């Protein structure tokens, strides 16, 4: 029975019986992990178990016999991104990112690059980065990591969109994360990324429906002066 200790970000959480959770994490080295976390709920909940969304967790888990679920024996939050919760525009992007990672990834995948893009995007939202620009940067880097991005040189783009995409594609994360897209350029890039994402899914993303973003032709919802994704 191999015990693993991993940095992980929580994707899903479901109550199980009276005291437990069934959790889905995305880990740095092993992709998605589905696990049972016992004793995390109720009046006698253990203090060292704290599964939170929008944070970096350290989990310890091992394989459960005759089950697809792992047993998660320890879960401690090392970094929490509470500023994401201060604006609905940030929350919408954060949940959108979580859903993309969940639907596009599998267990035992090549996860280190995806994990870095995922975690860094949440950190950007927490630090106050404009949400729509963060969503576009994540989409491009995520699609590159998945091998689904066609490359800006193959796309028909305006000069502003091409320049921004080149930075997203080739710049290091620190440089790329400083780019704030104009409304027009952001909409142009969004049309491309959403089309690629939609072509590789067999169902619409739930977060787009929940936050009223199913159609790219709908007016943008505005809050606190910031565009939604």
C-alpha atoms as a PDB file:
ATOM      1  CA  UNK A   1       0.000   0.000   0.000  1.00  0.00           C
ATOM      2  CA  UNK A   2       1.801   3.125  -1.296  1.00  0.00           C
ATOM      3  CA  UNK A   3       1.228   6.337   0.621  1.00  0.00           C
ATOM      4  CA  UNK A   4       1.459   9.553  -1.412  1.00  0.00           C
ATOM      5  CA  UNK A   5       1.896  13.124  -0.232  1.00  0.00           C
ATOM      6  CA  UNK A   6       0.955  15.749  -2.791  1.00  0.00           C
ATOM      7  CA  UNK A   7       0.258  19.438  -3.338  1.00  0.00           C
ATOM      8  CA  UNK A   8      -3.333  19.586  -4.558  1.00  0.00           C
ATOM      9  CA  UNK A   9      -6.178  21.935  -5.463  1.00  0.00           C
ATOM     10  CA  UNK A  10      -9.752  20.936  -4.665  1.00  0.00           C
ATOM     11  CA  UNK A  11     -12.070  20.503  -7.675  1.00  0.00           C
ATOM     12  CA  UNK A  12     -15.176  18.875  -6.169  1.00  0.00           C
ATOM     13  CA  UNK A  13     -16.586  18.136  -2.716  1.00  0.00           C
ATOM     14  CA  UNK A  14     -19.578  15.952  -1.879  1.00  0.00           C
ATOM     15  CA  UNK A  15     -20.994  15.010   1.513  1.00  0.00           C
ATOM     16  CA  UNK A  16     -20.801  11.289   2.269  1.00  0.00           C
ATOM     17  CA  UNK A  17     -22.789   9.833   5.137  1.00  0.00           C
ATOM     18  CA  UNK A  18     -22.676  11.878   8.337  1.00  0.00           C
ATOM     19  CA  UNK A  19     -18.986  12.528   8.875  1.00  0.00           C
ATOM     20  CA  UNK A  20     -17.150  12.219   5.557  1.00  0.00           C
ATOM     21  CA  UNK A  21     -16.534  13.827   2.170  1.00  0.00           C
ATOM     22  CA  UNK A  22     -15.891  12.406  -1.260  1.00  0.00           C
ATOM     23  CA  UNK A  23     -13.342  14.781  -2.787  1.00  0.00           C
ATOM     24  CA  UNK A  24     -11.733  15.309  -6.161  1.00  0.00           C
ATOM     25  CA  UNK A  25      -8.325  17.000  -6.152  1.00  0.00           C
ATOM     26  CA  UNK A  26      -5.964  17.922  -8.931  1.00  0.00           C
ATOM     27  CA  UNK A  27      -2.438  17.047  -7.827  1.00  0.00           C
ATOM     28  CA  UNK A  28       0.953  18.279  -8.951  1.00  0.00           C
ATOM     29  CA  UNK A  29       2.340  14.865  -9.955  1.00  0.00           C
ATOM     30  CA  UNK A  30      -0.567  12.455 -10.457  1.00  0.00           C
ATOM     31  CA  UNK A  31      -3.406  14.392 -12.047  1.00  0.00           C
ATOM     32  CA  UNK A  32      -6.865  13.896 -10.579  1.00  0.00           C
ATOM     33  CA  UNK A  33      -7.325  12.020  -7.331  1.00  0.00           C
ATOM     34  CA  UNK A  34     -10.780  10.893  -6.145  1.00  0.00           C
ATOM     35  CA  UNK A  35     -10.769  10.138  -2.454  1.00  0.00           C
ATOM     36  CA  UNK A  36     -12.763   9.536   0.694  1.00  0.00           C
ATOM     37  CA  UNK A  37     -11.972  11.835   3.592  1.00  0.00           C
ATOM     38  CA  UNK A  38     -13.350  10.411   6.845  1.00  0.00           C
ATOM     39  CA  UNK A  39     -14.073  12.302  10.036  1.00  0.00           C
ATOM     40  CA  UNK A  40     -14.066  15.749   8.392  1.00  0.00           C
ATOM     41  CA  UNK A  41     -17.676  16.655   9.226  1.00  0.00           C
ATOM     42  CA  UNK A  42     -19.885  16.699  12.274  1.00  0.00           C
ATOM     43  CA  UNK A  43     -19.386  17.572  15.926  1.00  0.00           C
ATOM     44  CA  UNK A  44     -16.288  15.387  16.208  1.00  0.00           C
ATOM     45  CA  UNK A  45     -14.589  16.564  13.027  1.00  0.00           C
ATOM     46  CA  UNK A  46     -10.804  16.296  13.118  1.00  0.00           C
ATOM     47  CA  UNK A  47      -8.965  19.588  13.251  1.00  0.00           C
ATOM     48  CA  UNK A  48      -6.289  18.582  10.746  1.00  0.00           C
ATOM     49  CA  UNK A  49      -8.829  18.026   7.963  1.00  0.00           C
ATOM     50  CA  UNK A  50      -9.782  21.206   6.153  1.00  0.00           C
ATOM     51  CA  UNK A  51     -10.767  20.782   2.485  1.00  0.00           C
ATOM     52  CA  UNK A  52     -11.225  24.273   1.018  1.00  0.00           C
ATOM     53  CA  UNK A  53     -11.883  25.521  -2.485  1.00  0.00           C
ATOM     54  CA  UNK A  54      -9.572  28.182  -3.931  1.00  0.00           C
ATOM     55  CA  UNK A  55      -6.508  27.173  -2.008  1.00  0.00           C
ATOM     56  CA  UNK A  56      -3.382  25.045  -2.096  1.00  0.00           C
ATOM     57  CA  UNK A  57      -3.732  21.905  -0.009  1.00  0.00           C
ATOM     58  CA  UNK A  58      -1.277  19.271   1.156  1.00  0.00           C
ATOM     59  CA  UNK A  59      -2.908  15.859   1.102  1.00  0.00           C
ATOM     60  CA  UNK A  60      -1.797  12.392   2.191  1.00  0.00           C
ATOM     61  CA  UNK A  61      -3.625   9.464   0.601  1.00  0.00           C
ATOM     62  CA  UNK A  62      -3.381   5.772  -0.181  1.00  0.00           C
ATOM     63  CA  UNK A  63      -5.211   3.283  -2.364  1.00  0.00           C
ATOM     64  CA  UNK A  64      -8.328   1.588  -1.040  1.00  0.00           C
ATOM     65  CA  UNK A  65      -8.647  -2.090  -1.881  1.00  0.00           C
ATOM     66  CA  UNK A  66     -11.388  -3.056  -4.358  1.00  0.00           C
ATOM     67  CA  UNK A  67     -12.372   0.569  -4.923  1.00  0.00           C
ATOM     68  CA  UNK A  68     -11.644   3.394  -7.357  1.00  0.00           C
ATOM     69  CA  UNK A  69     -11.525   5.775  -4.393  1.00  0.00           C
ATOM     70  CA  UNK A  70      -8.371   6.572  -2.470  1.00  0.00           C
ATOM     71  CA  UNK A  71      -8.422   7.057   1.283  1.00  0.00           C
ATOM     72  CA  UNK A  72      -7.327  10.580   2.172  1.00  0.00           C
ATOM     73  CA  UNK A  73      -5.832  10.473   5.644  1.00  0.00           C
ATOM     74  CA  UNK A  74      -4.699  14.092   5.939  1.00  0.00           C
ATOM     75  CA  UNK A  75      -5.638  17.363   4.256  1.00  0.00           C
ATOM     76  CA  UNK A  76      -4.110  20.645   5.344  1.00  0.00           C
ATOM     77  CA  UNK A  77      -4.580  24.003   3.627  1.00  0.00           C
ATOM     78  CA  UNK A  78      -1.209  25.666   3.021  1.00  0.00           C
ATOM     79  CA  UNK A  79      -2.385  28.699   1.040  1.00  0.00           C
ATOM     80  CA  UNK A  80      -5.908  30.120   0.757  1.00  0.00           C
ATOM     81  CA  UNK A  81      -7.128  32.667  -1.786  1.00  0.00           C
ATOM     82  CA  UNK A  82      -9.853  34.505   0.120  1.00  0.00           C
ATOM     83  CA  UNK A  83      -9.733  37.603  -2.113  1.00  0.00           C
ATOM     84  CA  UNK A  84     -11.324  35.571  -4.903  1.00  0.00           C
ATOM     85  CA  UNK A  85     -14.523  35.576  -2.846  1.00  0.00           C
ATOM     86  CA  UNK A  86     -14.730  39.382  -2.659  1.00  0.00           C
ATOM     87  CA  UNK A  87     -16.134  39.851  -6.192  1.00  0.00           C
ATOM     88  CA  UNK A  88     -18.601  37.745  -8.132  1.00  0.00           C
ATOM     89  CA  UNK A  89     -16.582  38.328 -11.302  1.00  0.00           C
ATOM     90  CA  UNK A  90     -13.574  36.636  -9.678  1.00  0.00           C
ATOM     91  CA  UNK A  91     -15.651  33.785  -8.292  1.00  0.00           C
ATOM     92  CA  UNK A  92     -17.152  33.118 -11.732  1.00  0.00           C
ATOM     93  CA  UNK A  93     -13.705  32.875 -13.346  1.00  0.00           C
ATOM     94  CA  UNK A  94     -12.362  30.697 -10.530  1.00  0.00           C
ATOM     95  CA  UNK A  95     -15.208  28.173 -10.794  1.00  0.00           C
ATOM     96  CA  UNK A  96     -14.905  28.229 -14.587  1.00  0.00           C
ATOM     97  CA  UNK A  97     -11.215  27.330 -14.268  1.00  0.00           C
ATOM     98  CA  UNK A  98     -12.018  24.538 -11.796  1.00  0.00           C
ATOM     99  CA  UNK A  99     -14.562  23.045 -14.192  1.00  0.00           C
ATOM    100  CA  UNK A 100     -12.194  23.173 -17.163  1.00  0.00           C
ATOM    101  CA  UNK A 101      -9.500  21.333 -15.213  1.00  0.00           C
ATOM    102  CA  UNK A 102     -12.038  18.766 -14.042  1.00  0.00           C
ATOM    103  CA  UNK A 103     -13.583  17.945 -17.431  1.00  0.00           C
ATOM    104  CA  UNK A 104     -10.348  17.924 -19.446  1.00  0.00           C
ATOM    105  CA  UNK A 105      -8.042  15.948 -17.169  1.00  0.00           C
ATOM    106  CA  UNK A 106      -7.739  12.379 -15.942  1.00  0.00           C
ATOM    107  CA  UNK A 107      -6.009  10.364 -13.265  1.00  0.00           C
ATOM    108  CA  UNK A 108      -2.311   9.637 -13.826  1.00  0.00           C
ATOM    109  CA  UNK A 109      -1.975  12.298 -16.507  1.00  0.00           C
ATOM    110  CA  UNK A 110       1.033  14.485 -17.257  1.00  0.00           C
ATOM    111  CA  UNK A 111       0.019  17.050 -14.655  1.00  0.00           C
ATOM    112  CA  UNK A 112       2.926  19.259 -13.549  1.00  0.00           C
ATOM    113  CA  UNK A 113       2.503  21.893 -16.273  1.00  0.00           C
ATOM    114  CA  UNK A 114      -1.286  21.967 -15.922  1.00  0.00           C
ATOM    115  CA  UNK A 115      -0.997  22.198 -12.148  1.00  0.00           C
ATOM    116  CA  UNK A 116       1.295  25.214 -12.464  1.00  0.00           C
ATOM    117  CA  UNK A 117      -1.066  27.026 -14.851  1.00  0.00           C
ATOM    118  CA  UNK A 118      -4.026  26.178 -12.627  1.00  0.00           C
ATOM    119  CA  UNK A 119      -2.454  27.311  -9.359  1.00  0.00           C
ATOM    120  CA  UNK A 120      -0.880  30.452 -10.823  1.00  0.00           C
ATOM    121  CA  UNK A 121      -4.216  31.518 -12.329  1.00  0.00           C
ATOM    122  CA  UNK A 122      -5.917  31.282  -8.940  1.00  0.00           C
ATOM    123  CA  UNK A 123      -3.084  33.279  -7.428  1.00  0.00           C
ATOM    124  CA  UNK A 124      -3.569  35.982 -10.073  1.00  0.00           C
ATOM    125  CA  UNK A 125      -7.268  36.268  -9.285  1.00  0.00           C
ATOM    126  CA  UNK A 126      -6.467  36.467  -5.586  1.00  0.00           C
ATOM    127  CA  UNK A 127      -3.888  39.203  -6.201  1.00  0.00           C
ATOM    128  CA  UNK A 128      -6.398  41.430  -8.032  1.00  0.00           C
ATOM    129  CA  UNK A 129      -5.634  40.623 -11.664  1.00  0.00           C
ATOM    130  CA  UNK A 130      -8.460  41.595 -14.036  1.00  0.00           C
ATOM    131  CA  UNK A 131     -10.696  38.484 -14.210  1.00  0.00           C
ATOM    132  CA  UNK A 132     -11.423  38.315 -17.948  1.00  0.00           C
ATOM    133  CA  UNK A 133      -7.733  38.677 -18.876  1.00  0.00           C
ATOM    134  CA  UNK A 134      -6.889  35.968 -16.342  1.00  0.00           C
ATOM    135  CA  UNK A 135      -9.488  33.675 -17.912  1.00  0.00           C
ATOM    136  CA  UNK A 136      -8.005  34.178 -21.407  1.00  0.00           C
ATOM    137  CA  UNK A 137      -4.446  33.589 -20.192  1.00  0.00           C
ATOM    138  CA  UNK A 138      -5.514  30.425 -18.400  1.00  0.00           C
ATOM    139  CA  UNK A 139      -7.425  29.127 -21.431  1.00  0.00           C
ATOM    140  CA  UNK A 140      -4.485  29.604 -23.786  1.00  0.00           C
ATOM    141  CA  UNK A 141      -1.870  28.101 -21.449  1.00  0.00           C
ATOM    142  CA  UNK A 142      -4.221  25.263 -20.483  1.00  0.00           C
ATOM    143  CA  UNK A 143      -4.973  24.384 -24.113  1.00  0.00           C
ATOM    144  CA  UNK A 144      -1.246  24.457 -24.872  1.00  0.00           C
ATOM    145  CA  UNK A 145      -0.634  22.039 -21.983  1.00  0.00           C
ATOM    146  CA  UNK A 146      -3.321  19.723 -23.359  1.00  0.00           C
ATOM    147  CA  UNK A 147      -1.905  19.851 -26.892  1.00  0.00           C
ATOM    148  CA  UNK A 148      -5.115  21.430 -28.218  1.00  0.00           C
ATOM    149  CA  UNK A 149      -3.892  24.938 -29.044  1.00  0.00           C
ATOM    150  CA  UNK A 150      -3.360  25.488 -32.806  1.00  0.00           C
ATOM    151  CA  UNK A 151      -0.894  28.372 -32.396  1.00  0.00           C
ATOM    152  CA  UNK A 152      -1.536  32.037 -33.141  1.00  0.00           C
ATOM    153  CA  UNK A 153       0.307  31.818 -36.463  1.00  0.00           C
ATOM    154  CA  UNK A 154      -2.514  29.639 -37.841  1.00  0.00           C
ATOM    155  CA  UNK A 155      -5.290  32.011 -36.778  1.00  0.00           C
ATOM    156  CA  UNK A 156      -6.772  35.020 -38.530  1.00  0.00           C
ATOM    157  CA  UNK A 157      -6.317  37.794 -35.972  1.00  0.00           C
ATOM    158  CA  UNK A 158      -6.144  41.531 -35.561  1.00  0.00           C
ATOM    159  CA  UNK A 159      -2.711  42.890 -34.714  1.00  0.00           C
ATOM    160  CA  UNK A 160      -3.655  43.517 -31.090  1.00  0.00           C
ATOM    161  CA  UNK A 161      -4.943  39.982 -30.559  1.00  0.00           C
ATOM    162  CA  UNK A 162      -1.937  38.436 -32.294  1.00  0.00           C
ATOM    163  CA  UNK A 163       0.508  40.409 -30.162  1.00  0.00           C
ATOM    164  CA  UNK A 164      -1.290  39.450 -26.935  1.00  0.00           C
ATOM    165  CA  UNK A 165      -1.481  35.776 -27.893  1.00  0.00           C
ATOM    166  CA  UNK A 166       2.213  35.672 -28.730  1.00  0.00           C
ATOM    167  CA  UNK A 167       2.945  36.883 -25.198  1.00  0.00           C
ATOM    168  CA  UNK A 168       0.521  34.330 -23.760  1.00  0.00           C
ATOM    169  CA  UNK A 169       2.104  31.537 -25.801  1.00  0.00           C
ATOM    170  CA  UNK A 170       5.788  32.316 -25.479  1.00  0.00           C
ATOM    171  CA  UNK A 171       6.308  34.687 -22.564  1.00  0.00           C
ATOM    172  CA  UNK A 172       7.149  33.474 -19.093  1.00  0.00           C
ATOM    173  CA  UNK A 173       4.315  33.515 -16.611  1.00  0.00           C
ATOM    174  CA  UNK A 174       5.441  36.696 -14.863  1.00  0.00           C
ATOM    175  CA  UNK A 175       5.458  38.687 -18.122  1.00  0.00           C
ATOM    176  CA  UNK A 176       2.265  37.178 -19.545  1.00  0.00           C
ATOM    177  CA  UNK A 177       0.327  37.776 -16.343  1.00  0.00           C
ATOM    178  CA  UNK A 178       0.901  41.542 -16.572  1.00  0.00           C
ATOM    179  CA  UNK A 179      -1.047  41.874 -19.835  1.00  0.00           C
ATOM    180  CA  UNK A 180      -4.514  43.412 -19.484  1.00  0.00           C
ATOM    181  CA  UNK A 181      -6.612  42.881 -22.586  1.00  0.00           C
ATOM    182  CA  UNK A 182      -8.870  45.552 -24.050  1.00  0.00           C
ATOM    183  CA  UNK A 183     -12.540  44.629 -24.399  1.00  0.00           C
ATOM    184  CA  UNK A 184     -12.212  44.139 -28.163  1.00  0.00           C
ATOM    185  CA  UNK A 185      -9.064  42.009 -27.999  1.00  0.00           C
ATOM    186  CA  UNK A 186     -10.439  39.997 -25.080  1.00  0.00           C
ATOM    187  CA  UNK A 187     -13.637  39.213 -26.992  1.00  0.00           C
ATOM    188  CA  UNK A 188     -11.647  38.219 -30.080  1.00  0.00           C
ATOM    189  CA  UNK A 189      -9.477  35.796 -28.102  1.00  0.00           C
ATOM    190  CA  UNK A 190     -12.471  34.479 -26.145  1.00  0.00           C
ATOM    191  CA  UNK A 191     -14.277  33.589 -29.359  1.00  0.00           C
ATOM    192  CA  UNK A 192     -11.301  31.435 -30.396  1.00  0.00           C
ATOM    193  CA  UNK A 193     -10.690  29.752 -27.046  1.00  0.00           C
ATOM    194  CA  UNK A 194     -14.373  29.004 -26.443  1.00  0.00           C
ATOM    195  CA  UNK A 195     -14.689  27.471 -29.910  1.00  0.00           C
ATOM    196  CA  UNK A 196     -11.698  25.165 -29.312  1.00  0.00           C
ATOM    197  CA  UNK A 197     -12.993  24.220 -25.862  1.00  0.00           C
ATOM    198  CA  UNK A 198     -16.502  23.551 -27.194  1.00  0.00           C
ATOM    199  CA  UNK A 199     -15.200  21.429 -30.059  1.00  0.00           C
ATOM    200  CA  UNK A 200     -13.470  19.134 -27.555  1.00  0.00           C
ATOM    201  CA  UNK A 201     -16.416  18.655 -25.179  1.00  0.00           C
ATOM    202  CA  UNK A 202     -19.577  16.608 -25.560  1.00  0.00           C
ATOM    203  CA  UNK A 203     -21.648  18.915 -23.342  1.00  0.00           C
ATOM    204  CA  UNK A 204     -21.786  22.619 -22.428  1.00  0.00           C
ATOM    205  CA  UNK A 205     -19.850  23.778 -19.406  1.00  0.00           C
ATOM    206  CA  UNK A 206     -22.069  24.132 -16.353  1.00  0.00           C
ATOM    207  CA  UNK A 207     -20.331  27.268 -15.102  1.00  0.00           C
ATOM    208  CA  UNK A 208     -21.187  29.162 -18.293  1.00  0.00           C
ATOM    209  CA  UNK A 209     -24.857  28.400 -17.698  1.00  0.00           C
ATOM    210  CA  UNK A 210     -24.772  29.179 -13.980  1.00  0.00           C
ATOM    211  CA  UNK A 211     -23.142  32.572 -14.515  1.00  0.00           C
ATOM    212  CA  UNK A 212     -25.224  33.457 -17.579  1.00  0.00           C
ATOM    213  CA  UNK A 213     -22.343  33.122 -20.035  1.00  0.00           C
ATOM    214  CA  UNK A 214     -23.612  30.405 -22.377  1.00  0.00           C
ATOM    215  CA  UNK A 215     -23.558  32.585 -25.465  1.00  0.00           C
ATOM    216  CA  UNK A 216     -20.709  34.803 -26.594  1.00  0.00           C
ATOM    217  CA  UNK A 217     -23.270  37.050 -28.298  1.00  0.00           C
ATOM    218  CA  UNK A 218     -24.877  38.082 -25.018  1.00  0.00           C
ATOM    219  CA  UNK A 219     -23.955  41.452 -23.477  1.00  0.00           C
ATOM    220  CA  UNK A 220     -21.175  41.241 -20.922  1.00  0.00           C
ATOM    221  CA  UNK A 221     -22.280  41.423 -17.309  1.00  0.00           C
ATOM    222  CA  UNK A 222     -20.361  44.076 -15.455  1.00  0.00           C
ATOM    223  CA  UNK A 223     -19.542  44.265 -11.763  1.00  0.00           C
ATOM    224  CA  UNK A 224     -17.132  46.578  -9.928  1.00  0.00           C
ATOM    225  CA  UNK A 225     -15.952  47.877 -13.286  1.00  0.00           C
ATOM    226  CA  UNK A 226     -14.629  44.475 -14.361  1.00  0.00           C
ATOM    227  CA  UNK A 227     -15.689  42.278 -17.266  1.00  0.00           C
ATOM    228  CA  UNK A 228     -16.860  38.743 -16.574  1.00  0.00           C
ATOM    229  CA  UNK A 229     -15.262  35.879 -18.492  1.00  0.00           C
END
